[in-house]
């Protein structure tokens, strides 16, 4: 019997397209983006996680390296 492969993929950036009515006077927005934090994908916090030094942790907003997520604005144009 064939077993389906149920692989879950973690994606920190998600998007959706807001509803736009034909009677809406404004132009459609297109896609909106949002981020999901890494802690949503951890069942529990394992012991002895790697930590940032205290000063760096204050700058990053978290003490634990696996819970840090860099925010990149998806609406900002990228300079290449």
PDB file of N, CA and C in Angstrom:
ATOM      1  N   UNK A   1       0.840  -1.174   0.000  1.00  0.00           N
ATOM      2  CA  UNK A   1       0.000   0.000   0.000  1.00  0.00           C
ATOM      3  C   UNK A   1       0.888   1.242   0.000  1.00  0.00           C
ATOM      4  N   UNK A   2       0.546   2.227  -0.809  1.00  0.00           N
ATOM      5  CA  UNK A   2       1.335   3.453  -0.922  1.00  0.00           C
ATOM      6  C   UNK A   2       0.968   4.428   0.193  1.00  0.00           C
ATOM      7  N   UNK A   3       1.962   4.916   0.908  1.00  0.00           N
ATOM      8  CA  UNK A   3       1.752   5.904   1.957  1.00  0.00           C
ATOM      9  C   UNK A   3       2.067   7.292   1.404  1.00  0.00           C
ATOM     10  N   UNK A   4       1.174   8.273   1.553  1.00  0.00           N
ATOM     11  CA  UNK A   4       1.471   9.622   1.073  1.00  0.00           C
ATOM     12  C   UNK A   4       2.578  10.258   1.902  1.00  0.00           C
ATOM     13  N   UNK A   5       3.360  11.086   1.253  1.00  0.00           N
ATOM     14  CA  UNK A   5       4.451  11.790   1.918  1.00  0.00           C
ATOM     15  C   UNK A   5       3.916  13.126   2.432  1.00  0.00           C
ATOM     16  N   UNK A   6       3.732  13.231   3.746  1.00  0.00           N
ATOM     17  CA  UNK A   6       3.221  14.466   4.346  1.00  0.00           C
ATOM     18  C   UNK A   6       4.394  15.235   4.941  1.00  0.00           C
ATOM     19  N   UNK A   7       5.036  16.048   4.127  1.00  0.00           N
ATOM     20  CA  UNK A   7       6.155  16.850   4.586  1.00  0.00           C
ATOM     21  C   UNK A   7       5.659  18.258   4.886  1.00  0.00           C
ATOM     22  N   UNK A   8       5.967  18.764   6.071  1.00  0.00           N
ATOM     23  CA  UNK A   8       5.585  20.115   6.449  1.00  0.00           C
ATOM     24  C   UNK A   8       6.781  21.021   6.197  1.00  0.00           C
ATOM     25  N   UNK A   9       6.536  22.110   5.480  1.00  0.00           N
ATOM     26  CA  UNK A   9       7.607  23.058   5.179  1.00  0.00           C
ATOM     27  C   UNK A   9       7.377  24.345   5.962  1.00  0.00           C
ATOM     28  N   UNK A  10       8.415  24.807   6.628  1.00  0.00           N
ATOM     29  CA  UNK A  10       8.380  26.043   7.397  1.00  0.00           C
ATOM     30  C   UNK A  10       8.645  27.205   6.450  1.00  0.00           C
ATOM     31  N   UNK A  11       7.733  28.152   6.390  1.00  0.00           N
ATOM     32  CA  UNK A  11       7.938  29.361   5.597  1.00  0.00           C
ATOM     33  C   UNK A  11       7.660  30.559   6.492  1.00  0.00           C
ATOM     34  N   UNK A  12       8.666  31.376   6.774  1.00  0.00           N
ATOM     35  CA  UNK A  12       8.456  32.510   7.669  1.00  0.00           C
ATOM     36  C   UNK A  12       7.647  33.639   7.040  1.00  0.00           C
ATOM     37  N   UNK A  13       7.630  33.744   5.710  1.00  0.00           N
ATOM     38  CA  UNK A  13       6.881  34.806   5.041  1.00  0.00           C
ATOM     39  C   UNK A  13       5.666  34.197   4.356  1.00  0.00           C
ATOM     40  N   UNK A  14       4.521  34.739   4.673  1.00  0.00           N
ATOM     41  CA  UNK A  14       3.277  34.257   4.075  1.00  0.00           C
ATOM     42  C   UNK A  14       2.595  35.435   3.382  1.00  0.00           C
ATOM     43  N   UNK A  15       1.672  35.129   2.471  1.00  0.00           N
ATOM     44  CA  UNK A  15       0.967  36.201   1.771  1.00  0.00           C
ATOM     45  C   UNK A  15      -0.489  35.819   1.560  1.00  0.00           C
ATOM     46  N   UNK A  16      -1.289  36.822   1.314  1.00  0.00           N
ATOM     47  CA  UNK A  16      -2.691  36.610   0.965  1.00  0.00           C
ATOM     48  C   UNK A  16      -3.145  37.773   0.094  1.00  0.00           C
ATOM     49  N   UNK A  17      -4.228  37.574  -0.622  1.00  0.00           N
ATOM     50  CA  UNK A  17      -4.773  38.615  -1.480  1.00  0.00           C
ATOM     51  C   UNK A  17      -6.115  39.056  -0.893  1.00  0.00           C
ATOM     52  N   UNK A  18      -6.194  40.310  -0.407  1.00  0.00           N
ATOM     53  CA  UNK A  18      -7.446  40.780   0.187  1.00  0.00           C
ATOM     54  C   UNK A  18      -8.574  40.840  -0.848  1.00  0.00           C
ATOM     55  N   UNK A  19      -9.787  40.652  -0.370  1.00  0.00           N
ATOM     56  CA  UNK A  19     -10.955  40.728  -1.246  1.00  0.00           C
ATOM     57  C   UNK A  19     -11.105  42.142  -1.784  1.00  0.00           C
ATOM     58  N   UNK A  20     -11.437  42.264  -3.054  1.00  0.00           N
ATOM     59  CA  UNK A  20     -11.670  43.561  -3.675  1.00  0.00           C
ATOM     60  C   UNK A  20     -13.012  43.504  -4.391  1.00  0.00           C
ATOM     61  N   UNK A  21     -13.954  44.305  -3.931  1.00  0.00           N
ATOM     62  CA  UNK A  21     -15.289  44.322  -4.520  1.00  0.00           C
ATOM     63  C   UNK A  21     -15.290  45.116  -5.820  1.00  0.00           C
ATOM     64  N   UNK A  22     -16.199  44.783  -6.702  1.00  0.00           N
ATOM     65  CA  UNK A  22     -16.322  45.542  -7.945  1.00  0.00           C
ATOM     66  C   UNK A  22     -16.839  46.951  -7.670  1.00  0.00           C
ATOM     67  N   UNK A  23     -17.415  47.166  -6.481  1.00  0.00           N
ATOM     68  CA  UNK A  23     -17.930  48.481  -6.109  1.00  0.00           C
ATOM     69  C   UNK A  23     -16.928  49.286  -5.279  1.00  0.00           C
ATOM     70  N   UNK A  24     -15.779  48.733  -5.018  1.00  0.00           N
ATOM     71  CA  UNK A  24     -14.752  49.419  -4.236  1.00  0.00           C
ATOM     72  C   UNK A  24     -14.146  50.533  -5.085  1.00  0.00           C
ATOM     73  N   UNK A  25     -14.164  51.794  -4.609  1.00  0.00           N
ATOM     74  CA  UNK A  25     -13.633  52.897  -5.415  1.00  0.00           C
ATOM     75  C   UNK A  25     -12.102  52.932  -5.478  1.00  0.00           C
ATOM     76  N   UNK A  26     -11.439  52.250  -4.559  1.00  0.00           N
ATOM     77  CA  UNK A  26      -9.976  52.259  -4.535  1.00  0.00           C
ATOM     78  C   UNK A  26      -9.426  51.133  -5.408  1.00  0.00           C
ATOM     79  N   UNK A  27      -8.224  51.318  -5.943  1.00  0.00           N
ATOM     80  CA  UNK A  27      -7.620  50.233  -6.720  1.00  0.00           C
ATOM     81  C   UNK A  27      -7.275  49.053  -5.815  1.00  0.00           C
ATOM     82  N   UNK A  28      -7.212  47.843  -6.371  1.00  0.00           N
ATOM     83  CA  UNK A  28      -6.881  46.677  -5.539  1.00  0.00           C
ATOM     84  C   UNK A  28      -5.475  46.783  -4.959  1.00  0.00           C
ATOM     85  N   UNK A  29      -5.315  46.250  -3.766  1.00  0.00           N
ATOM     86  CA  UNK A  29      -4.029  46.301  -3.070  1.00  0.00           C
ATOM     87  C   UNK A  29      -3.044  45.303  -3.666  1.00  0.00           C
ATOM     88  N   UNK A  30      -3.534  44.196  -4.146  1.00  0.00           N
ATOM     89  CA  UNK A  30      -2.637  43.131  -4.608  1.00  0.00           C
ATOM     90  C   UNK A  30      -2.419  42.166  -3.463  1.00  0.00           C
ATOM     91  N   UNK A  31      -1.188  41.799  -3.239  1.00  0.00           N
ATOM     92  CA  UNK A  31      -0.878  40.856  -2.164  1.00  0.00           C
ATOM     93  C   UNK A  31      -0.390  41.592  -0.931  1.00  0.00           C
ATOM     94  N   UNK A  32      -0.757  41.068   0.232  1.00  0.00           N
ATOM     95  CA  UNK A  32      -0.240  41.548   1.511  1.00  0.00           C
ATOM     96  C   UNK A  32       0.628  40.442   2.081  1.00  0.00           C
ATOM     97  N   UNK A  33       1.683  40.836   2.764  1.00  0.00           N
ATOM     98  CA  UNK A  33       2.638  39.883   3.318  1.00  0.00           C
ATOM     99  C   UNK A  33       2.677  40.008   4.833  1.00  0.00           C
ATOM    100  N   UNK A  34       2.937  38.899   5.503  1.00  0.00           N
ATOM    101  CA  UNK A  34       3.152  38.905   6.943  1.00  0.00           C
ATOM    102  C   UNK A  34       4.137  37.801   7.297  1.00  0.00           C
ATOM    103  N   UNK A  35       4.765  37.947   8.452  1.00  0.00           N
ATOM    104  CA  UNK A  35       5.762  36.976   8.902  1.00  0.00           C
ATOM    105  C   UNK A  35       5.226  36.210  10.103  1.00  0.00           C
ATOM    106  N   UNK A  36       5.620  34.971  10.195  1.00  0.00           N
ATOM    107  CA  UNK A  36       5.280  34.165  11.364  1.00  0.00           C
ATOM    108  C   UNK A  36       6.567  33.905  12.144  1.00  0.00           C
ATOM    109  N   UNK A  37       6.525  34.057  13.468  1.00  0.00           N
ATOM    110  CA  UNK A  37       7.735  33.892  14.266  1.00  0.00           C
ATOM    111  C   UNK A  37       8.169  32.431  14.362  1.00  0.00           C
ATOM    112  N   UNK A  38       9.481  32.203  14.524  1.00  0.00           N
ATOM    113  CA  UNK A  38      10.005  30.835  14.598  1.00  0.00           C
ATOM    114  C   UNK A  38       9.435  30.016  15.753  1.00  0.00           C
ATOM    115  N   UNK A  39       9.029  30.663  16.850  1.00  0.00           N
ATOM    116  CA  UNK A  39       8.519  29.896  17.994  1.00  0.00           C
ATOM    117  C   UNK A  39       7.216  29.166  17.672  1.00  0.00           C
ATOM    118  N   UNK A  40       6.505  29.553  16.614  1.00  0.00           N
ATOM    119  CA  UNK A  40       5.295  28.829  16.222  1.00  0.00           C
ATOM    120  C   UNK A  40       5.609  27.426  15.730  1.00  0.00           C
ATOM    121  N   UNK A  41       6.830  27.223  15.287  1.00  0.00           N
ATOM    122  CA  UNK A  41       7.206  25.943  14.695  1.00  0.00           C
ATOM    123  C   UNK A  41       8.034  25.079  15.641  1.00  0.00           C
ATOM    124  N   UNK A  42       8.155  25.518  16.902  1.00  0.00           N
ATOM    125  CA  UNK A  42       8.831  24.717  17.930  1.00  0.00           C
ATOM    126  C   UNK A  42       7.759  24.156  18.855  1.00  0.00           C
ATOM    127  N   UNK A  43       7.751  22.857  19.045  1.00  0.00           N
ATOM    128  CA  UNK A  43       6.770  22.268  19.954  1.00  0.00           C
ATOM    129  C   UNK A  43       7.048  22.648  21.398  1.00  0.00           C
ATOM    130  N   UNK A  44       8.316  22.724  21.748  1.00  0.00           N
ATOM    131  CA  UNK A  44       8.723  23.116  23.085  1.00  0.00           C
ATOM    132  C   UNK A  44      10.103  23.732  22.962  1.00  0.00           C
ATOM    133  N   UNK A  45      10.509  24.454  23.992  1.00  0.00           N
ATOM    134  CA  UNK A  45      11.835  25.061  23.980  1.00  0.00           C
ATOM    135  C   UNK A  45      12.819  24.073  24.584  1.00  0.00           C
ATOM    136  N   UNK A  46      13.695  23.509  23.754  1.00  0.00           N
ATOM    137  CA  UNK A  46      14.642  22.534  24.283  1.00  0.00           C
ATOM    138  C   UNK A  46      15.645  23.182  25.238  1.00  0.00           C
ATOM    139  N   UNK A  47      16.188  22.415  26.160  1.00  0.00           N
ATOM    140  CA  UNK A  47      17.182  22.969  27.083  1.00  0.00           C
ATOM    141  C   UNK A  47      18.487  23.274  26.358  1.00  0.00           C
ATOM    142  N   UNK A  48      19.245  24.172  26.931  1.00  0.00           N
ATOM    143  CA  UNK A  48      20.593  24.526  26.459  1.00  0.00           C
ATOM    144  C   UNK A  48      20.607  25.095  25.040  1.00  0.00           C
ATOM    145  N   UNK A  49      19.621  25.936  24.705  1.00  0.00           N
ATOM    146  CA  UNK A  49      19.648  26.601  23.402  1.00  0.00           C
ATOM    147  C   UNK A  49      20.792  27.605  23.371  1.00  0.00           C
ATOM    148  N   UNK A  50      21.380  27.767  22.203  1.00  0.00           N
ATOM    149  CA  UNK A  50      22.465  28.738  22.048  1.00  0.00           C
ATOM    150  C   UNK A  50      21.908  30.138  22.279  1.00  0.00           C
ATOM    151  N   UNK A  51      22.679  30.973  23.018  1.00  0.00           N
ATOM    152  CA  UNK A  51      22.214  32.309  23.378  1.00  0.00           C
ATOM    153  C   UNK A  51      23.102  33.381  22.777  1.00  0.00           C
ATOM    154  N   UNK A  52      22.495  34.546  22.544  1.00  0.00           N
ATOM    155  CA  UNK A  52      23.258  35.730  22.155  1.00  0.00           C
ATOM    156  C   UNK A  52      23.912  36.305  23.400  1.00  0.00           C
ATOM    157  N   UNK A  53      25.023  37.030  23.254  1.00  0.00           N
ATOM    158  CA  UNK A  53      25.549  37.790  24.391  1.00  0.00           C
ATOM    159  C   UNK A  53      24.492  38.823  24.822  1.00  0.00           C
ATOM    160  N   UNK A  54      24.466  39.232  26.100  1.00  0.00           N
ATOM    161  CA  UNK A  54      23.400  40.115  26.596  1.00  0.00           C
ATOM    162  C   UNK A  54      23.175  41.384  25.771  1.00  0.00           C
ATOM    163  N   UNK A  55      24.242  42.096  25.405  1.00  0.00           N
ATOM    164  CA  UNK A  55      24.070  43.338  24.649  1.00  0.00           C
ATOM    165  C   UNK A  55      23.466  43.057  23.269  1.00  0.00           C
ATOM    166  N   UNK A  56      23.936  42.008  22.617  1.00  0.00           N
ATOM    167  CA  UNK A  56      23.411  41.652  21.297  1.00  0.00           C
ATOM    168  C   UNK A  56      21.955  41.175  21.406  1.00  0.00           C
ATOM    169  N   UNK A  57      21.623  40.475  22.489  1.00  0.00           N
ATOM    170  CA  UNK A  57      20.249  40.006  22.694  1.00  0.00           C
ATOM    171  C   UNK A  57      19.288  41.187  22.813  1.00  0.00           C
ATOM    172  N   UNK A  58      19.723  42.266  23.464  1.00  0.00           N
ATOM    173  CA  UNK A  58      18.878  43.457  23.560  1.00  0.00           C
ATOM    174  C   UNK A  58      18.640  44.075  22.187  1.00  0.00           C
ATOM    175  N   UNK A  59      19.644  44.030  21.327  1.00  0.00           N
ATOM    176  CA  UNK A  59      19.507  44.587  19.979  1.00  0.00           C
ATOM    177  C   UNK A  59      18.631  43.696  19.091  1.00  0.00           C
ATOM    178  N   UNK A  60      18.702  42.393  19.279  1.00  0.00           N
ATOM    179  CA  UNK A  60      17.960  41.438  18.443  1.00  0.00           C
ATOM    180  C   UNK A  60      16.537  41.202  18.942  1.00  0.00           C
ATOM    181  N   UNK A  61      16.276  41.479  20.220  1.00  0.00           N
ATOM    182  CA  UNK A  61      14.937  41.292  20.760  1.00  0.00           C
ATOM    183  C   UNK A  61      14.672  39.913  21.318  1.00  0.00           C
ATOM    184  N   UNK A  62      15.683  39.062  21.367  1.00  0.00           N
ATOM    185  CA  UNK A  62      15.528  37.729  21.953  1.00  0.00           C
ATOM    186  C   UNK A  62      16.874  37.248  22.469  1.00  0.00           C
ATOM    187  N   UNK A  63      16.840  36.420  23.475  1.00  0.00           N
ATOM    188  CA  UNK A  63      18.068  35.868  24.038  1.00  0.00           C
ATOM    189  C   UNK A  63      18.549  34.660  23.246  1.00  0.00           C
ATOM    190  N   UNK A  64      17.618  33.901  22.681  1.00  0.00           N
ATOM    191  CA  UNK A  64      17.969  32.632  22.046  1.00  0.00           C
ATOM    192  C   UNK A  64      18.102  32.764  20.533  1.00  0.00           C
ATOM    193  N   UNK A  65      19.212  32.298  19.994  1.00  0.00           N
ATOM    194  CA  UNK A  65      19.484  32.405  18.560  1.00  0.00           C
ATOM    195  C   UNK A  65      18.447  31.699  17.683  1.00  0.00           C
ATOM    196  N   UNK A  66      17.957  30.504  18.039  1.00  0.00           N
ATOM    197  CA  UNK A  66      16.957  29.863  17.170  1.00  0.00           C
ATOM    198  C   UNK A  66      15.621  30.613  17.103  1.00  0.00           C
ATOM    199  N   UNK A  67      15.372  31.519  18.053  1.00  0.00           N
ATOM    200  CA  UNK A  67      14.116  32.270  18.046  1.00  0.00           C
ATOM    201  C   UNK A  67      14.243  33.632  17.377  1.00  0.00           C
ATOM    202  N   UNK A  68      15.426  33.972  16.891  1.00  0.00           N
ATOM    203  CA  UNK A  68      15.623  35.254  16.204  1.00  0.00           C
ATOM    204  C   UNK A  68      15.196  35.125  14.750  1.00  0.00           C
ATOM    205  N   UNK A  69      14.482  36.127  14.268  1.00  0.00           N
ATOM    206  CA  UNK A  69      14.040  36.154  12.878  1.00  0.00           C
ATOM    207  C   UNK A  69      14.269  37.553  12.332  1.00  0.00           C
ATOM    208  N   UNK A  70      15.144  37.669  11.357  1.00  0.00           N
ATOM    209  CA  UNK A  70      15.426  38.953  10.731  1.00  0.00           C
ATOM    210  C   UNK A  70      14.207  39.414   9.949  1.00  0.00           C
ATOM    211  N   UNK A  71      13.829  40.669  10.109  1.00  0.00           N
ATOM    212  CA  UNK A  71      12.678  41.199   9.382  1.00  0.00           C
ATOM    213  C   UNK A  71      13.165  41.975   8.168  1.00  0.00           C
ATOM    214  N   UNK A  72      12.680  41.571   7.011  1.00  0.00           N
ATOM    215  CA  UNK A  72      12.961  42.306   5.779  1.00  0.00           C
ATOM    216  C   UNK A  72      11.627  42.790   5.239  1.00  0.00           C
ATOM    217  N   UNK A  73      11.502  44.093   5.044  1.00  0.00           N
ATOM    218  CA  UNK A  73      10.249  44.675   4.581  1.00  0.00           C
ATOM    219  C   UNK A  73       9.968  44.239   3.146  1.00  0.00           C
ATOM    220  N   UNK A  74       8.903  43.459   2.897  1.00  0.00           N
ATOM    221  CA  UNK A  74       8.629  42.981   1.543  1.00  0.00           C
ATOM    222  C   UNK A  74       8.123  44.077   0.615  1.00  0.00           C
ATOM    223  N   UNK A  75       7.697  45.215   1.171  1.00  0.00           N
ATOM    224  CA  UNK A  75       7.183  46.302   0.347  1.00  0.00           C
ATOM    225  C   UNK A  75       8.284  47.268  -0.090  1.00  0.00           C
ATOM    226  N   UNK A  76       9.425  47.187   0.545  1.00  0.00           N
ATOM    227  CA  UNK A  76      10.531  48.082   0.227  1.00  0.00           C
ATOM    228  C   UNK A  76      11.256  47.576  -1.013  1.00  0.00           C
ATOM    229  N   UNK A  77      11.571  48.495  -1.921  1.00  0.00           N
ATOM    230  CA  UNK A  77      12.289  48.100  -3.129  1.00  0.00           C
ATOM    231  C   UNK A  77      13.717  47.717  -2.774  1.00  0.00           C
ATOM    232  N   UNK A  78      14.175  46.657  -3.405  1.00  0.00           N
ATOM    233  CA  UNK A  78      15.538  46.190  -3.145  1.00  0.00           C
ATOM    234  C   UNK A  78      16.516  46.922  -4.048  1.00  0.00           C
ATOM    235  N   UNK A  79      17.641  47.285  -3.473  1.00  0.00           N
ATOM    236  CA  UNK A  79      18.710  47.915  -4.249  1.00  0.00           C
ATOM    237  C   UNK A  79      19.695  46.840  -4.659  1.00  0.00           C
ATOM    238  N   UNK A  80      19.902  46.694  -5.949  1.00  0.00           N
ATOM    239  CA  UNK A  80      20.833  45.664  -6.427  1.00  0.00           C
ATOM    240  C   UNK A  80      22.087  46.270  -6.963  1.00  0.00           C
TER     241      UNK A  80
END
